[in-house]
Structures are given as C-alpha cells and as structure tokens.
Amino acid sequence: LTAEERELIKKLHHSFRVSEKLQGHIRLLLSHGAMYNICNDNLLFHASIPLNEDGTLHNVMDMGCGRELLENIETTIRAAFQADTEREERRAAIDFFLYLWCGPESPLFDKSKMATYERYFLTDRESWHEEKGNYFRLRDNREVVDHILDAFGITGDNRHIINGHVPVHAAEGENPIKADGRLMVIDGGFSQAYHKTTGIAGYTLVYHSRGFELVQHEPFLNVNDAIRRGTDIKSTRQIVEMANHRMLVADTDKGRDLQRQIKDLEHLLYAYRHGYIKEKERK
C-alpha cells in the first residue's frame, strides 16, 4: 500500500472501532437475532441454504450443512464478540464473521463474488455479474424446498420457507412465490437504487389467521412529488394462501407453549392436592 492508502485504511479501521451506532447494531443482533427462525411451521432465514448442484445440502468448511451449519455459524459469530474466547479462536471467528458478508459459500451471501468495486469503477457490465449459488437456481423446485424443510424438522402441509436477500425482478415477470407456494421471496426493495431493476418498491408479507397475503408496493418518488400530485405509496394485494378455517391461538407455536404451561400448572396443582409437595408455612 502507498502511504495515502495506509492512512485511508487506518481511518476506516478507527471509524469501525469507535462507531457507537455500529456497536449498537451489533449488540442488537447478538441479543435478538438468529441465523434462522421457525415460527408456526414457517422457516425464516436471510439469503440461502448452501446446496450442491443436485439439490442436496452442502457441507461448508466442515461446519456441517443445513440446520447444523446455521447453528454452528451462530456459535462462531457469538465467539467473535466474547472477551473470554481464546485468542486464536476469536481471531478465526472474527475472520469468519467478515467472510459471512461476501464469502461465496456464506448462507448470508451465496454468490461468486461481490462486484461493488466493479460497479463503481468499471464500465464493462460483464464484470458486474455475480453468479448466484445453487440455492437460487433450485429454489423453484418443490422437492428441493421440501428437502430443506425436512432437514429443519418442519412437517405438515402448510409449511413454508420465507427469505429475501435478492431483488425480485417483477418488471420482468418474476414471481416472488416459488415451488408451488412452498417458498416466498420477500424482498424489502424499498431502496430507490433497486426501483429501476425491479420495477417496484418491494413487498410486505402479511400473515394472519386466514393465511398469507402479499402486498406489492409501487415506488415512492419524493415528498415534493407526493404533495404536488397528491399521491401516496400505492400498494396492491395478492392472496398467496387462504385456509378454509381460521387458525386459532391453540394452533400456533405460542398456543402450544401456553398449553404446556397449563399442563405444568395442572401437574403442580395435583402435586399440592395429593401431598407430593408440601405448602410452605406462612410466617
């Protein structure tokens, strides 16, 4: 590096180290975030599950595949931010944390490269191309999607994968609903930079007791235009899946958790009434 480049890197490094906002975001991710979530038979993750060309789960860096991979990655991320982690392990975890951002086998990226530099500085559009991983090529295959859901222990007829990461090219006719309704690509896409690429301003997925609705947003130009023309953010709704019977609280994960708590209280009450647990004397 030249002296000027070294000075630039030094300043960037310092900015990362002292940024309160960045540290706050990291703390929020560590306290509330996860590599995946399962809610009411719906599997949620950010970008992809690394796959082999034949649709089987891909083992990434001997960290496992599928559910095991995501859980091991989460453990590694947390190790990178723990002061009591051994020095070498922590350095490796920090390196891996950076790899997750733009690594070709990262389940948070899953592309051949990140072409940000090329887009900024090169006019050759071929150099901008980012080859997507096998997951994006196979995610419209219901068998592959069912295989992923099986690997995460999600069963039943009303199971789904919900994820995003890549823009949905609605202007070119791309459908965010894939694999016969098993997978939904919900790209926020509200950033103005994506509007020309997608033709829309992203999606919102609405989940209620009847099923799923997909809300497609039209681009919002600016406040002045909205005032002058009296326009607002226009949205269109698409019914994705509707059940004949409403889902009750008892049918949800929260409902099942409440049922377990009720059972525990009933067992506790039985134990008190039959003398298995003695009531403490009040002083």
C-alpha atoms as a PDB file:
ATOM      1  CA  LEU A   1       0.000   0.000   0.000  1.00  0.00           C
ATOM      2  CA  THR A   2       1.043   3.586  -0.581  1.00  0.00           C
ATOM      3  CA  ALA A   3       1.288   5.996   2.331  1.00  0.00           C
ATOM      4  CA  GLU A   4      -2.062   7.531   1.345  1.00  0.00           C
ATOM      5  CA  GLU A   5      -3.724   4.113   1.155  1.00  0.00           C
ATOM      6  CA  ARG A   6      -2.328   3.128   4.554  1.00  0.00           C
ATOM      7  CA  GLU A   7      -3.688   6.348   6.029  1.00  0.00           C
ATOM      8  CA  LEU A   8      -7.105   5.653   4.490  1.00  0.00           C
ATOM      9  CA  ILE A   9      -7.200   2.097   5.882  1.00  0.00           C
ATOM     10  CA  LYS A  10      -6.134   3.414   9.285  1.00  0.00           C
ATOM     11  CA  LYS A  11      -9.008   5.911   9.295  1.00  0.00           C
ATOM     12  CA  LEU A  12     -11.523   3.278   8.182  1.00  0.00           C
ATOM     13  CA  HIS A  13     -10.309   0.908  10.895  1.00  0.00           C
ATOM     14  CA  HIS A  14     -10.620   3.661  13.505  1.00  0.00           C
ATOM     15  CA  SER A  15     -14.145   4.509  12.329  1.00  0.00           C
ATOM     16  CA  PHE A  16     -15.227   0.896  12.758  1.00  0.00           C
ATOM     17  CA  ARG A  17     -13.684   0.644  16.219  1.00  0.00           C
ATOM     18  CA  VAL A  18     -15.248   3.811  17.658  1.00  0.00           C
ATOM     19  CA  SER A  19     -18.641   3.846  15.907  1.00  0.00           C
ATOM     20  CA  GLU A  20     -21.329   3.784  18.613  1.00  0.00           C
ATOM     21  CA  LYS A  21     -24.090   3.152  16.070  1.00  0.00           C
ATOM     22  CA  LEU A  22     -22.300   0.127  14.628  1.00  0.00           C
ATOM     23  CA  GLN A  23     -21.655  -1.302  18.097  1.00  0.00           C
ATOM     24  CA  GLY A  24     -25.291  -0.721  18.994  1.00  0.00           C
ATOM     25  CA  HIS A  25     -26.449  -2.574  15.884  1.00  0.00           C
ATOM     26  CA  ILE A  26     -24.123  -5.483  16.661  1.00  0.00           C
ATOM     27  CA  ARG A  27     -25.400  -5.695  20.249  1.00  0.00           C
ATOM     28  CA  LEU A  28     -28.970  -5.716  18.945  1.00  0.00           C
ATOM     29  CA  LEU A  29     -28.180  -8.549  16.520  1.00  0.00           C
ATOM     30  CA  LEU A  30     -26.480 -10.601  19.237  1.00  0.00           C
ATOM     31  CA  SER A  31     -29.303 -10.107  21.743  1.00  0.00           C
ATOM     32  CA  HIS A  32     -32.273 -10.503  19.396  1.00  0.00           C
ATOM     33  CA  GLY A  33     -31.003 -12.057  16.186  1.00  0.00           C
ATOM     34  CA  ALA A  34     -30.502 -15.608  14.947  1.00  0.00           C
ATOM     35  CA  MET A  35     -29.290 -17.316  11.781  1.00  0.00           C
ATOM     36  CA  TYR A  36     -32.766 -18.771  11.317  1.00  0.00           C
ATOM     37  CA  ASN A  37     -36.148 -18.869  12.983  1.00  0.00           C
ATOM     38  CA  ILE A  38     -39.014 -21.348  12.883  1.00  0.00           C
ATOM     39  CA  CYS A  39     -42.449 -19.858  13.516  1.00  0.00           C
ATOM     40  CA  ASN A  40     -45.744 -21.697  13.015  1.00  0.00           C
ATOM     41  CA  ASP A  41     -44.158 -24.174  10.549  1.00  0.00           C
ATOM     42  CA  ASN A  42     -42.515 -21.349   8.598  1.00  0.00           C
ATOM     43  CA  LEU A  43     -38.732 -21.378   8.185  1.00  0.00           C
ATOM     44  CA  LEU A  44     -37.226 -17.889   8.037  1.00  0.00           C
ATOM     45  CA  PHE A  45     -33.644 -17.103   7.055  1.00  0.00           C
ATOM     46  CA  HIS A  46     -31.923 -14.254   5.245  1.00  0.00           C
ATOM     47  CA  ALA A  47     -30.446 -15.487   1.972  1.00  0.00           C
ATOM     48  CA  SER A  48     -29.937 -19.191   1.323  1.00  0.00           C
ATOM     49  CA  ILE A  49     -29.178 -22.696   2.490  1.00  0.00           C
ATOM     50  CA  PRO A  50     -25.986 -23.758   0.628  1.00  0.00           C
ATOM     51  CA  LEU A  51     -26.760 -26.626  -1.752  1.00  0.00           C
ATOM     52  CA  ASN A  52     -24.853 -28.966  -4.034  1.00  0.00           C
ATOM     53  CA  GLU A  53     -25.679 -29.000  -7.749  1.00  0.00           C
ATOM     54  CA  ASP A  54     -28.078 -31.925  -7.244  1.00  0.00           C
ATOM     55  CA  GLY A  55     -30.044 -30.077  -4.559  1.00  0.00           C
ATOM     56  CA  THR A  56     -28.584 -31.898  -1.568  1.00  0.00           C
ATOM     57  CA  LEU A  57     -27.337 -29.912   1.412  1.00  0.00           C
ATOM     58  CA  HIS A  58     -23.772 -28.636   1.029  1.00  0.00           C
ATOM     59  CA  ASN A  59     -21.195 -29.005   3.805  1.00  0.00           C
ATOM     60  CA  VAL A  60     -19.468 -25.639   4.244  1.00  0.00           C
ATOM     61  CA  MET A  61     -15.901 -25.705   5.607  1.00  0.00           C
ATOM     62  CA  ASP A  62     -16.614 -28.848   7.653  1.00  0.00           C
ATOM     63  CA  MET A  63     -19.102 -26.853   9.730  1.00  0.00           C
ATOM     64  CA  GLY A  64     -21.952 -29.086   8.652  1.00  0.00           C
ATOM     65  CA  CYS A  65     -24.915 -28.425   6.408  1.00  0.00           C
ATOM     66  CA  GLY A  66     -28.464 -27.187   6.718  1.00  0.00           C
ATOM     67  CA  ARG A  67     -29.600 -26.645  10.286  1.00  0.00           C
ATOM     68  CA  GLU A  68     -26.312 -27.779  11.808  1.00  0.00           C
ATOM     69  CA  LEU A  69     -24.414 -25.294   9.629  1.00  0.00           C
ATOM     70  CA  LEU A  70     -26.533 -22.312  10.658  1.00  0.00           C
ATOM     71  CA  GLU A  71     -26.311 -23.236  14.342  1.00  0.00           C
ATOM     72  CA  ASN A  72     -22.519 -23.630  14.161  1.00  0.00           C
ATOM     73  CA  ILE A  73     -22.229 -20.295  12.359  1.00  0.00           C
ATOM     74  CA  GLU A  74     -24.256 -18.591  15.075  1.00  0.00           C
ATOM     75  CA  THR A  75     -21.974 -20.074  17.743  1.00  0.00           C
ATOM     76  CA  THR A  76     -18.929 -18.814  15.823  1.00  0.00           C
ATOM     77  CA  ILE A  77     -20.398 -15.309  15.495  1.00  0.00           C
ATOM     78  CA  ARG A  78     -21.005 -15.108  19.221  1.00  0.00           C
ATOM     79  CA  ALA A  79     -17.481 -16.357  19.934  1.00  0.00           C
ATOM     80  CA  ALA A  80     -16.114 -13.428  17.915  1.00  0.00           C
ATOM     81  CA  PHE A  81     -17.687 -10.957  20.339  1.00  0.00           C
ATOM     82  CA  GLN A  82     -16.943 -12.711  23.640  1.00  0.00           C
ATOM     83  CA  ALA A  83     -13.956 -11.455  25.628  1.00  0.00           C
ATOM     84  CA  ASP A  84     -13.398 -14.872  27.246  1.00  0.00           C
ATOM     85  CA  THR A  85     -12.951 -16.655  23.885  1.00  0.00           C
ATOM     86  CA  GLU A  86      -9.392 -17.941  23.414  1.00  0.00           C
ATOM     87  CA  ARG A  87      -7.283 -15.572  21.334  1.00  0.00           C
ATOM     88  CA  GLU A  88      -6.730 -17.780  18.268  1.00  0.00           C
ATOM     89  CA  GLU A  89     -10.320 -18.990  18.256  1.00  0.00           C
ATOM     90  CA  ARG A  90     -11.565 -15.418  18.488  1.00  0.00           C
ATOM     91  CA  ARG A  91      -9.339 -14.223  15.633  1.00  0.00           C
ATOM     92  CA  ALA A  92     -10.598 -17.072  13.446  1.00  0.00           C
ATOM     93  CA  ALA A  93     -14.197 -16.240  14.430  1.00  0.00           C
ATOM     94  CA  ILE A  94     -13.689 -12.565  13.521  1.00  0.00           C
ATOM     95  CA  ASP A  95     -12.252 -13.564  10.131  1.00  0.00           C
ATOM     96  CA  PHE A  96     -15.233 -15.851   9.541  1.00  0.00           C
ATOM     97  CA  PHE A  97     -17.624 -13.061  10.533  1.00  0.00           C
ATOM     98  CA  LEU A  98     -16.162 -10.965   7.708  1.00  0.00           C
ATOM     99  CA  TYR A  99     -16.395 -13.961   5.335  1.00  0.00           C
ATOM    100  CA  LEU A 100     -20.139 -14.169   6.005  1.00  0.00           C
ATOM    101  CA  TRP A 101     -20.549 -10.726   4.447  1.00  0.00           C
ATOM    102  CA  CYS A 102     -19.267 -11.630   0.981  1.00  0.00           C
ATOM    103  CA  GLY A 103     -17.979 -15.232   1.003  1.00  0.00           C
ATOM    104  CA  PRO A 104     -19.165 -17.414  -1.909  1.00  0.00           C
ATOM    105  CA  GLU A 105     -20.340 -20.206   0.431  1.00  0.00           C
ATOM    106  CA  SER A 106     -21.805 -17.914   3.069  1.00  0.00           C
ATOM    107  CA  PRO A 107     -25.527 -18.602   3.666  1.00  0.00           C
ATOM    108  CA  LEU A 108     -25.888 -14.828   4.112  1.00  0.00           C
ATOM    109  CA  PHE A 109     -24.476 -14.126   0.620  1.00  0.00           C
ATOM    110  CA  ASP A 110     -24.131 -17.239  -1.591  1.00  0.00           C
ATOM    111  CA  LYS A 111     -22.764 -15.560  -4.726  1.00  0.00           C
ATOM    112  CA  SER A 112     -19.497 -15.987  -6.616  1.00  0.00           C
ATOM    113  CA  LYS A 113     -18.289 -12.509  -5.654  1.00  0.00           C
ATOM    114  CA  MET A 114     -19.408  -9.069  -4.528  1.00  0.00           C
ATOM    115  CA  ALA A 115     -18.997  -6.791  -7.526  1.00  0.00           C
ATOM    116  CA  THR A 116     -19.367  -3.447  -5.743  1.00  0.00           C
ATOM    117  CA  TYR A 117     -15.911  -2.305  -6.875  1.00  0.00           C
ATOM    118  CA  GLU A 118     -16.615  -3.234 -10.491  1.00  0.00           C
ATOM    119  CA  ARG A 119     -19.945  -1.393 -10.484  1.00  0.00           C
ATOM    120  CA  TYR A 120     -18.318   1.774  -9.172  1.00  0.00           C
ATOM    121  CA  PHE A 121     -15.164   1.864 -11.271  1.00  0.00           C
ATOM    122  CA  LEU A 122     -15.554  -0.339 -14.382  1.00  0.00           C
ATOM    123  CA  THR A 123     -17.754   0.281 -17.401  1.00  0.00           C
ATOM    124  CA  ASP A 124     -17.621  -3.366 -18.536  1.00  0.00           C
ATOM    125  CA  ARG A 125     -21.016  -4.669 -17.412  1.00  0.00           C
ATOM    126  CA  GLU A 126     -19.882  -8.286 -17.716  1.00  0.00           C
ATOM    127  CA  SER A 127     -17.532  -7.656 -14.797  1.00  0.00           C
ATOM    128  CA  TRP A 128     -20.540  -6.673 -12.690  1.00  0.00           C
ATOM    129  CA  HIS A 129     -22.034 -10.160 -12.865  1.00  0.00           C
ATOM    130  CA  GLU A 130     -22.425 -12.015  -9.574  1.00  0.00           C
ATOM    131  CA  GLU A 131     -23.106 -15.723 -10.130  1.00  0.00           C
ATOM    132  CA  LYS A 132     -25.723 -16.883  -7.642  1.00  0.00           C
ATOM    133  CA  GLY A 133     -25.334 -20.164  -5.753  1.00  0.00           C
ATOM    134  CA  ASN A 134     -27.246 -23.399  -6.348  1.00  0.00           C
ATOM    135  CA  TYR A 135     -29.960 -22.448  -3.867  1.00  0.00           C
ATOM    136  CA  PHE A 136     -31.179 -19.599  -6.074  1.00  0.00           C
ATOM    137  CA  ARG A 137     -31.137 -21.861  -9.134  1.00  0.00           C
ATOM    138  CA  LEU A 138     -33.114 -24.624  -7.419  1.00  0.00           C
ATOM    139  CA  ARG A 139     -35.462 -22.734  -5.114  1.00  0.00           C
ATOM    140  CA  ASP A 140     -38.394 -23.119  -7.547  1.00  0.00           C
ATOM    141  CA  ASN A 141     -38.116 -26.922  -7.226  1.00  0.00           C
ATOM    142  CA  ARG A 142     -40.641 -28.134  -4.667  1.00  0.00           C
ATOM    143  CA  GLU A 143     -38.712 -31.334  -3.911  1.00  0.00           C
ATOM    144  CA  VAL A 144     -35.601 -29.331  -3.044  1.00  0.00           C
ATOM    145  CA  VAL A 145     -37.585 -26.950  -0.838  1.00  0.00           C
ATOM    146  CA  ASP A 146     -39.297 -29.875   0.918  1.00  0.00           C
ATOM    147  CA  HIS A 147     -35.874 -31.477   1.468  1.00  0.00           C
ATOM    148  CA  ILE A 148     -34.677 -28.300   3.217  1.00  0.00           C
ATOM    149  CA  LEU A 149     -37.815 -28.140   5.367  1.00  0.00           C
ATOM    150  CA  ASP A 150     -37.390 -31.813   6.304  1.00  0.00           C
ATOM    151  CA  ALA A 151     -33.795 -31.107   7.361  1.00  0.00           C
ATOM    152  CA  PHE A 152     -35.063 -28.456   9.778  1.00  0.00           C
ATOM    153  CA  GLY A 153     -37.675 -30.818  11.213  1.00  0.00           C
ATOM    154  CA  ILE A 154     -40.641 -28.879   9.823  1.00  0.00           C
ATOM    155  CA  THR A 155     -43.535 -31.104   8.787  1.00  0.00           C
ATOM    156  CA  GLY A 156     -47.145 -30.705   7.670  1.00  0.00           C
ATOM    157  CA  ASP A 157     -48.956 -29.460   4.590  1.00  0.00           C
ATOM    158  CA  ASN A 158     -48.783 -25.756   5.464  1.00  0.00           C
ATOM    159  CA  ARG A 159     -45.027 -25.363   5.836  1.00  0.00           C
ATOM    160  CA  HIS A 160     -43.054 -22.678   4.026  1.00  0.00           C
ATOM    161  CA  ILE A 161     -39.681 -21.063   3.539  1.00  0.00           C
ATOM    162  CA  ILE A 162     -39.656 -17.271   3.780  1.00  0.00           C
ATOM    163  CA  ASN A 163     -36.489 -15.423   2.817  1.00  0.00           C
ATOM    164  CA  GLY A 164     -35.145 -12.492   0.826  1.00  0.00           C
ATOM    165  CA  HIS A 165     -31.643 -11.087   0.116  1.00  0.00           C
ATOM    166  CA  VAL A 166     -32.045 -10.750  -3.654  1.00  0.00           C
ATOM    167  CA  PRO A 167     -34.378  -8.369  -5.532  1.00  0.00           C
ATOM    168  CA  VAL A 168     -37.438  -9.815  -7.248  1.00  0.00           C
ATOM    169  CA  HIS A 169     -37.491  -8.624 -10.864  1.00  0.00           C
ATOM    170  CA  ALA A 170     -41.240  -8.038 -11.024  1.00  0.00           C
ATOM    171  CA  ALA A 171     -40.915  -5.864 -14.139  1.00  0.00           C
ATOM    172  CA  GLU A 172     -39.559  -8.907 -15.991  1.00  0.00           C
ATOM    173  CA  GLY A 173     -42.385 -11.121 -14.774  1.00  0.00           C
ATOM    174  CA  GLU A 174     -40.576 -12.832 -11.904  1.00  0.00           C
ATOM    175  CA  ASN A 175     -42.931 -14.235  -9.282  1.00  0.00           C
ATOM    176  CA  PRO A 176     -41.938 -13.994  -5.599  1.00  0.00           C
ATOM    177  CA  ILE A 177     -43.984 -17.138  -4.909  1.00  0.00           C
ATOM    178  CA  LYS A 178     -41.975 -20.221  -5.839  1.00  0.00           C
ATOM    179  CA  ALA A 179     -42.004 -24.023  -5.558  1.00  0.00           C
ATOM    180  CA  ASP A 180     -45.813 -24.304  -5.834  1.00  0.00           C
ATOM    181  CA  GLY A 181     -46.298 -21.877  -2.949  1.00  0.00           C
ATOM    182  CA  ARG A 182     -43.767 -23.535  -0.646  1.00  0.00           C
ATOM    183  CA  LEU A 183     -41.263 -20.654  -0.808  1.00  0.00           C
ATOM    184  CA  MET A 184     -41.784 -16.898  -0.657  1.00  0.00           C
ATOM    185  CA  VAL A 185     -39.108 -14.351  -1.546  1.00  0.00           C
ATOM    186  CA  ILE A 186     -39.929 -11.212   0.398  1.00  0.00           C
ATOM    187  CA  ASP A 187     -37.512  -8.547  -0.727  1.00  0.00           C
ATOM    188  CA  GLY A 188     -37.943  -5.260   1.116  1.00  0.00           C
ATOM    189  CA  GLY A 189     -36.672  -3.486  -2.006  1.00  0.00           C
ATOM    190  CA  PHE A 190     -37.764  -0.080  -0.768  1.00  0.00           C
ATOM    191  CA  SER A 191     -34.364   1.391  -1.590  1.00  0.00           C
ATOM    192  CA  GLN A 192     -34.637   3.705  -4.588  1.00  0.00           C
ATOM    193  CA  ALA A 193     -31.477   2.194  -6.073  1.00  0.00           C
ATOM    194  CA  TYR A 194     -33.402  -1.031  -6.812  1.00  0.00           C
ATOM    195  CA  HIS A 195     -36.501   0.533  -8.382  1.00  0.00           C
ATOM    196  CA  LYS A 196     -35.149   0.510 -11.942  1.00  0.00           C
ATOM    197  CA  THR A 197     -34.017  -3.098 -11.550  1.00  0.00           C
ATOM    198  CA  THR A 198     -37.191  -4.489 -10.004  1.00  0.00           C
ATOM    199  CA  GLY A 199     -39.831  -2.096 -11.333  1.00  0.00           C
ATOM    200  CA  ILE A 200     -41.431  -1.954  -7.873  1.00  0.00           C
ATOM    201  CA  ALA A 201     -40.581  -0.842  -4.336  1.00  0.00           C
ATOM    202  CA  GLY A 202     -40.549  -4.258  -2.721  1.00  0.00           C
ATOM    203  CA  TYR A 203     -43.011  -6.469  -0.870  1.00  0.00           C
ATOM    204  CA  THR A 204     -44.586  -6.882   2.528  1.00  0.00           C
ATOM    205  CA  LEU A 205     -45.836 -10.312   3.598  1.00  0.00           C
ATOM    206  CA  VAL A 206     -48.979 -10.238   5.734  1.00  0.00           C
ATOM    207  CA  TYR A 207     -49.629 -13.351   7.847  1.00  0.00           C
ATOM    208  CA  HIS A 208     -52.928 -13.704   9.694  1.00  0.00           C
ATOM    209  CA  SER A 209     -55.366 -16.351  10.898  1.00  0.00           C
ATOM    210  CA  ARG A 210     -56.650 -16.993   7.365  1.00  0.00           C
ATOM    211  CA  GLY A 211     -53.280 -17.361   5.646  1.00  0.00           C
ATOM    212  CA  PHE A 212     -50.856 -15.226   3.644  1.00  0.00           C
ATOM    213  CA  GLU A 213     -51.269 -12.047   1.628  1.00  0.00           C
ATOM    214  CA  LEU A 214     -48.508 -10.411  -0.395  1.00  0.00           C
ATOM    215  CA  VAL A 215     -48.511  -6.614  -0.656  1.00  0.00           C
ATOM    216  CA  GLN A 216     -46.583  -5.175  -3.620  1.00  0.00           C
ATOM    217  CA  HIS A 217     -45.516  -1.540  -3.245  1.00  0.00           C
ATOM    218  CA  GLU A 218     -45.140   0.996  -6.029  1.00  0.00           C
ATOM    219  CA  PRO A 219     -42.092   3.318  -5.980  1.00  0.00           C
ATOM    220  CA  PHE A 220     -42.424   6.493  -3.912  1.00  0.00           C
ATOM    221  CA  LEU A 221     -40.583   9.286  -5.716  1.00  0.00           C
ATOM    222  CA  ASN A 222     -40.251  12.024  -3.115  1.00  0.00           C
ATOM    223  CA  VAL A 223     -42.229  14.157  -0.675  1.00  0.00           C
ATOM    224  CA  ASN A 224     -42.482  17.151  -3.024  1.00  0.00           C
ATOM    225  CA  ASP A 225     -43.900  14.993  -5.813  1.00  0.00           C
ATOM    226  CA  ALA A 226     -46.406  13.445  -3.407  1.00  0.00           C
ATOM    227  CA  ILE A 227     -47.600  16.888  -2.251  1.00  0.00           C
ATOM    228  CA  ARG A 228     -47.777  18.319  -5.778  1.00  0.00           C
ATOM    229  CA  ARG A 229     -49.630  15.374  -7.286  1.00  0.00           C
ATOM    230  CA  GLY A 230     -51.492  14.315  -4.167  1.00  0.00           C
ATOM    231  CA  THR A 231     -50.103  10.795  -4.441  1.00  0.00           C
ATOM    232  CA  ASP A 232     -49.214   8.262  -1.788  1.00  0.00           C
ATOM    233  CA  ILE A 233     -47.448   4.914  -1.663  1.00  0.00           C
ATOM    234  CA  LYS A 234     -49.666   2.678  -3.797  1.00  0.00           C
ATOM    235  CA  SER A 235     -49.870  -0.991  -2.988  1.00  0.00           C
ATOM    236  CA  THR A 236     -51.608  -3.992  -4.495  1.00  0.00           C
ATOM    237  CA  ARG A 237     -52.554  -7.107  -2.559  1.00  0.00           C
ATOM    238  CA  GLN A 238     -52.232 -10.670  -3.768  1.00  0.00           C
ATOM    239  CA  ILE A 239     -53.712 -13.602  -1.873  1.00  0.00           C
ATOM    240  CA  VAL A 240     -50.999 -16.240  -1.603  1.00  0.00           C
ATOM    241  CA  GLU A 241     -52.686 -18.858   0.531  1.00  0.00           C
ATOM    242  CA  MET A 242     -56.048 -18.947   2.292  1.00  0.00           C
ATOM    243  CA  ALA A 243     -57.299 -21.632   4.660  1.00  0.00           C
ATOM    244  CA  ASN A 244     -60.913 -22.783   4.931  1.00  0.00           C
ATOM    245  CA  HIS A 245     -60.774 -22.430   8.703  1.00  0.00           C
ATOM    246  CA  ARG A 246     -59.160 -19.694  10.707  1.00  0.00           C
ATOM    247  CA  MET A 247     -56.016 -20.587  12.611  1.00  0.00           C
ATOM    248  CA  LEU A 248     -56.750 -20.449  16.333  1.00  0.00           C
ATOM    249  CA  VAL A 249     -54.279 -19.410  19.013  1.00  0.00           C
ATOM    250  CA  ALA A 250     -54.076 -23.084  20.009  1.00  0.00           C
ATOM    251  CA  ASP A 251     -52.788 -23.916  16.516  1.00  0.00           C
ATOM    252  CA  THR A 252     -49.790 -21.581  16.805  1.00  0.00           C
ATOM    253  CA  ASP A 253     -46.397 -22.063  18.450  1.00  0.00           C
ATOM    254  CA  LYS A 254     -47.426 -19.589  21.158  1.00  0.00           C
ATOM    255  CA  GLY A 255     -50.645 -21.502  21.714  1.00  0.00           C
ATOM    256  CA  ARG A 256     -48.793 -24.795  22.109  1.00  0.00           C
ATOM    257  CA  ASP A 257     -46.437 -23.117  24.576  1.00  0.00           C
ATOM    258  CA  LEU A 258     -49.423 -21.865  26.586  1.00  0.00           C
ATOM    259  CA  GLN A 259     -50.884 -25.395  26.558  1.00  0.00           C
ATOM    260  CA  ARG A 260     -47.616 -26.732  28.008  1.00  0.00           C
ATOM    261  CA  GLN A 261     -47.693 -24.080  30.726  1.00  0.00           C
ATOM    262  CA  ILE A 262     -51.283 -25.025  31.569  1.00  0.00           C
ATOM    263  CA  LYS A 263     -50.268 -28.700  31.821  1.00  0.00           C
ATOM    264  CA  ASP A 264     -47.368 -27.788  34.110  1.00  0.00           C
ATOM    265  CA  LEU A 265     -49.705 -25.808  36.372  1.00  0.00           C
ATOM    266  CA  GLU A 266     -52.206 -28.694  36.435  1.00  0.00           C
ATOM    267  CA  HIS A 267     -49.429 -31.117  37.446  1.00  0.00           C
ATOM    268  CA  LEU A 268     -48.267 -28.693  40.135  1.00  0.00           C
ATOM    269  CA  LEU A 269     -51.814 -28.313  41.472  1.00  0.00           C
ATOM    270  CA  TYR A 270     -52.221 -32.120  41.537  1.00  0.00           C
ATOM    271  CA  ALA A 271     -48.953 -32.477  43.453  1.00  0.00           C
ATOM    272  CA  TYR A 272     -50.088 -29.943  46.077  1.00  0.00           C
ATOM    273  CA  ARG A 273     -53.530 -31.502  46.471  1.00  0.00           C
ATOM    274  CA  HIS A 274     -52.149 -35.007  46.901  1.00  0.00           C
ATOM    275  CA  GLY A 275     -49.348 -34.102  49.267  1.00  0.00           C
ATOM    276  CA  TYR A 276     -46.390 -34.681  46.942  1.00  0.00           C
ATOM    277  CA  ILE A 277     -45.359 -31.069  47.501  1.00  0.00           C
ATOM    278  CA  LYS A 278     -45.833 -29.514  50.912  1.00  0.00           C
ATOM    279  CA  GLU A 279     -47.066 -25.963  51.110  1.00  0.00           C
ATOM    280  CA  LYS A 280     -44.668 -23.694  52.953  1.00  0.00           C
ATOM    281  CA  GLU A 281     -45.954 -22.260  56.193  1.00  0.00           C
ATOM    282  CA  ARG A 282     -46.635 -18.564  56.063  1.00  0.00           C
ATOM    283  CA  LYS A 283     -44.752 -16.521  58.630  1.00  0.00           C
END
